[in-house]
């Protein structure tokens, strides 16, 4: 049975994304950043952790950040140093990072341990990337989200996030009591988030800005 918050126009439009956030807010959910949840996990109440792994596009990330801040929602964005679609250290990219940070969202590192292992098997590049991103943002980066985690050997030294200065990793046990759903590859394997809002009190939602669009998916290509 679908939640009463289900949008009859369910899909990957930004209008539907807004609908989902508005429904959650109207039903009393609080949106927390991942670091704030780790630091002070609430014992009760309706909460949502909104996570964004930005694999391909910074403009798509900024669209979500702008929409969320308009509604008073804070989310956690993870950015890559090795994306083919953007250069995180280019000046326009730094402007995007600053804009997302200044809106009150959290920024973490979308790490690539399966690739970095070819160059530094001890994970030292992961530490350097966290330090560099922290310097760029002028604040400590606490969170790590592994890119394509199915290709990463779980339990390897590179995934022991505390060794490299991170407070948490996106799939660590700190989040085990939350219902996790994801739009990976533009497919909700357990149904769209609109079907879970109102049905689950504690949600952990992963979205990727690249899948969401105003009128057509071609906007992001």
Protein backbone atom coordinates (compact mmCIF):
# COMPACT_ATOMS: atom_id res chain seq x y z
CA UNK A 1 0.00 0.00 0.00
CA UNK A 2 1.39 3.40 -0.97
CA UNK A 3 1.85 6.23 1.48
CA UNK A 4 -0.77 8.99 1.47
CA UNK A 5 2.04 11.34 0.40
CA UNK A 6 2.42 9.60 -2.97
CA UNK A 7 2.41 12.05 -5.87
CA UNK A 8 0.28 10.88 -8.84
CA UNK A 9 3.00 12.39 -11.05
CA UNK A 10 5.76 10.39 -9.37
CA UNK A 11 9.02 10.47 -11.32
CA UNK A 12 12.36 12.24 -11.46
CA UNK A 13 11.15 15.78 -12.04
CA UNK A 14 12.25 18.55 -9.72
CA UNK A 15 8.55 19.27 -9.14
CA UNK A 16 8.14 15.78 -7.70
CA UNK A 17 11.28 16.20 -5.63
CA UNK A 18 9.80 19.39 -4.17
CA UNK A 19 6.52 17.57 -3.53
CA UNK A 20 8.32 14.89 -1.52
CA UNK A 21 10.14 17.43 0.65
CA UNK A 22 6.97 19.45 1.23
CA UNK A 23 5.06 16.32 2.21
CA UNK A 24 7.79 15.32 4.64
CA UNK A 25 7.85 18.76 6.24
CA UNK A 26 4.06 18.85 6.52
CA UNK A 27 4.15 15.51 8.34
CA UNK A 28 6.67 16.70 10.91
CA UNK A 29 9.92 15.21 9.65
CA UNK A 30 13.18 16.91 10.59
CA UNK A 31 15.98 16.94 8.03
CA UNK A 32 19.41 16.39 9.55
CA UNK A 33 22.86 16.41 8.01
CA UNK A 34 24.72 13.15 8.39
CA UNK A 35 27.37 14.62 10.67
CA UNK A 36 24.76 16.13 12.99
CA UNK A 37 23.02 12.76 13.20
CA UNK A 38 26.28 11.00 14.05
CA UNK A 39 27.10 13.60 16.70
CA UNK A 40 23.64 13.71 18.30
CA UNK A 41 21.43 10.84 17.09
CA UNK A 42 17.84 11.61 18.13
CA UNK A 43 16.20 8.89 20.17
CA UNK A 44 12.75 9.46 18.67
CA UNK A 45 10.76 11.61 16.28
CA UNK A 46 10.50 11.64 12.49
CA UNK A 47 13.81 12.31 10.77
CA UNK A 48 15.27 12.21 7.26
CA UNK A 49 18.91 12.15 6.26
CA UNK A 50 19.05 13.41 2.67
CA UNK A 51 22.30 12.39 1.01
CA UNK A 52 23.51 13.36 -2.47
CA UNK A 53 26.36 11.52 -4.22
CA UNK A 54 27.30 13.89 -7.04
CA UNK A 55 28.86 11.53 -9.55
CA UNK A 56 28.61 13.55 -12.74
CA UNK A 57 27.35 17.13 -12.52
CA UNK A 58 27.89 20.11 -10.24
CA UNK A 59 25.10 22.23 -11.79
CA UNK A 60 22.67 19.38 -11.04
CA UNK A 61 23.89 19.33 -7.45
CA UNK A 62 23.37 23.06 -7.09
CA UNK A 63 19.79 22.78 -8.37
CA UNK A 64 18.97 20.38 -5.55
CA UNK A 65 20.81 22.50 -3.00
CA UNK A 66 18.90 25.62 -4.08
CA UNK A 67 15.56 23.83 -3.95
CA UNK A 68 16.26 22.39 -0.52
CA UNK A 69 17.43 25.61 1.08
CA UNK A 70 14.32 27.35 -0.26
CA UNK A 71 12.28 24.92 1.85
CA UNK A 72 14.58 25.13 4.87
CA UNK A 73 16.01 21.63 4.31
CA UNK A 74 19.65 20.79 5.01
CA UNK A 75 21.26 17.90 3.16
CA UNK A 76 24.67 16.25 2.83
CA UNK A 77 26.50 16.43 -0.52
CA UNK A 78 29.45 14.21 -1.46
CA UNK A 79 31.75 15.42 -4.24
CA UNK A 80 34.45 13.61 -6.24
CA UNK A 81 38.00 14.58 -7.12
CA UNK A 82 38.12 12.09 -10.01
CA UNK A 83 34.83 12.62 -11.85
CA UNK A 84 35.00 12.66 -15.63
CA UNK A 85 32.22 15.25 -15.76
CA UNK A 86 33.74 17.95 -13.57
CA UNK A 87 36.99 19.25 -12.10
CA UNK A 88 36.39 19.92 -8.41
CA UNK A 89 39.26 22.43 -8.23
CA UNK A 90 38.24 24.52 -11.26
CA UNK A 91 37.13 28.02 -10.23
CA UNK A 92 33.45 27.51 -11.24
CA UNK A 93 33.45 24.29 -9.20
CA UNK A 94 34.86 26.08 -6.18
CA UNK A 95 32.08 28.65 -6.52
CA UNK A 96 29.55 25.82 -6.45
CA UNK A 97 31.17 24.28 -3.37
CA UNK A 98 31.08 27.65 -1.60
CA UNK A 99 27.43 28.16 -2.54
CA UNK A 100 26.41 24.75 -1.21
CA UNK A 101 28.43 25.26 1.98
CA UNK A 102 27.05 28.75 2.58
CA UNK A 103 23.49 27.47 2.26
CA UNK A 104 24.12 25.37 5.37
CA UNK A 105 24.45 22.01 3.68
CA UNK A 106 27.16 19.57 4.69
CA UNK A 107 29.88 18.60 2.21
CA UNK A 108 31.77 15.31 2.28
CA UNK A 109 34.18 13.39 0.06
CA UNK A 110 32.91 10.92 -2.54
CA UNK A 111 35.97 8.69 -2.43
CA UNK A 112 37.22 6.24 -5.06
CA UNK A 113 39.12 3.59 -3.15
CA UNK A 114 38.89 0.96 -5.92
CA UNK A 115 40.79 3.33 -8.23
CA UNK A 116 43.13 4.94 -5.73
CA UNK A 117 44.37 1.55 -4.63
CA UNK A 118 46.24 1.34 -7.93
CA UNK A 119 48.39 4.30 -6.87
CA UNK A 120 48.41 4.19 -3.07
CA UNK A 121 47.20 0.90 -1.71
CA UNK A 122 47.49 2.13 1.86
CA UNK A 123 44.72 4.68 1.26
CA UNK A 124 46.99 7.68 1.82
CA UNK A 125 45.46 9.57 -1.13
CA UNK A 126 42.10 9.37 0.61
CA UNK A 127 43.59 11.21 3.58
CA UNK A 128 45.16 13.84 1.34
CA UNK A 129 41.89 14.41 -0.48
CA UNK A 130 40.02 14.89 2.78
CA UNK A 131 42.63 17.42 3.91
CA UNK A 132 42.53 19.28 0.59
CA UNK A 133 38.74 19.47 0.54
CA UNK A 134 38.77 20.67 4.15
CA UNK A 135 41.20 23.46 3.24
CA UNK A 136 39.14 24.48 0.21
CA UNK A 137 35.99 24.69 2.33
CA UNK A 138 37.76 26.22 5.35
CA UNK A 139 36.05 23.63 7.55
CA UNK A 140 36.68 20.03 8.47
CA UNK A 141 35.26 17.37 6.17
CA UNK A 142 33.78 14.67 8.37
CA UNK A 143 32.06 12.29 5.98
CA UNK A 144 33.19 9.78 3.37
CA UNK A 145 30.90 8.16 0.80
CA UNK A 146 32.48 5.45 -1.32
CA UNK A 147 31.83 5.72 -5.05
CA UNK A 148 30.50 2.44 -6.48
CA UNK A 149 30.81 0.62 -3.16
CA UNK A 150 30.08 -2.75 -4.77
CA UNK A 151 33.49 -2.48 -6.46
CA UNK A 152 35.22 -1.75 -3.15
CA UNK A 153 36.49 -4.57 -0.98
CA UNK A 154 34.58 -4.08 2.25
CA UNK A 155 36.73 -4.19 5.33
CA UNK A 156 39.91 -3.32 3.48
CA UNK A 157 42.25 -0.79 5.02
CA UNK A 158 41.05 1.91 2.63
CA UNK A 159 37.50 1.62 3.99
CA UNK A 160 38.52 2.06 7.65
CA UNK A 161 37.44 5.66 7.50
CA UNK A 162 38.70 6.72 10.92
CA UNK A 163 42.27 5.97 9.82
CA UNK A 164 42.03 8.88 7.39
CA UNK A 165 40.38 11.50 9.58
CA UNK A 166 36.72 10.86 8.76
CA UNK A 167 34.07 10.78 11.47
CA UNK A 168 31.81 8.48 9.50
CA UNK A 169 31.44 6.55 6.25
CA UNK A 170 28.07 6.64 4.51
CA UNK A 171 27.47 2.90 4.92
CA UNK A 172 28.82 2.55 8.45
CA UNK A 173 26.84 1.11 11.34
CA UNK A 174 25.97 4.55 12.71
CA UNK A 175 23.07 4.58 10.24
CA UNK A 176 21.89 1.00 10.66
CA UNK A 177 18.65 1.95 12.43
CA UNK A 178 17.44 4.09 9.51
CA UNK A 179 15.42 2.87 6.51
CA UNK A 180 17.76 3.29 3.52
CA UNK A 181 16.49 3.90 -0.01
CA UNK A 182 18.37 5.00 -3.12
CA UNK A 183 17.67 6.24 -6.66
CA UNK A 184 20.84 4.61 -8.04
CA UNK A 185 20.80 4.38 -11.86
CA UNK A 186 17.51 6.31 -11.80
CA UNK A 187 15.74 3.35 -10.25
CA UNK A 188 14.15 3.10 -6.80
CA UNK A 189 14.50 -0.59 -5.97
CA UNK A 190 11.98 -0.38 -3.13
CA UNK A 191 9.75 2.30 -4.59
CA UNK A 192 10.11 6.07 -4.79
CA UNK A 193 10.77 8.05 -1.63
CA UNK A 194 7.19 9.35 -1.82
CA UNK A 195 6.05 5.82 -0.96
CA UNK A 196 8.13 5.75 2.23
CA UNK A 197 7.44 9.25 3.59
CA UNK A 198 4.66 8.84 6.12
CA UNK A 199 5.22 5.08 6.34
CA UNK A 200 8.72 5.08 7.85
CA UNK A 201 9.63 7.47 10.67
CA UNK A 202 13.40 7.32 10.20
CA UNK A 203 14.59 7.58 6.61
CA UNK A 204 18.02 7.71 4.99
CA UNK A 205 17.54 8.76 1.36
CA UNK A 206 20.29 8.75 -1.27
CA UNK A 207 19.68 10.73 -4.45
CA UNK A 208 21.95 11.72 -7.33
CA UNK A 209 21.38 15.18 -8.77
CA UNK A 210 22.08 13.99 -12.32
CA UNK A 211 18.84 11.99 -12.47
CA UNK A 212 16.57 14.92 -11.59
CA UNK A 213 15.33 17.42 -14.16
CA UNK A 214 12.84 20.26 -14.74
CA UNK A 215 11.34 19.22 -18.09
CA UNK A 216 13.46 16.47 -19.68
CA UNK A 217 16.44 14.27 -18.70
CA UNK A 218 18.33 15.75 -21.65
CA UNK A 219 18.90 18.87 -19.55
CA UNK A 220 21.72 17.06 -17.77
CA UNK A 221 23.59 15.87 -20.86
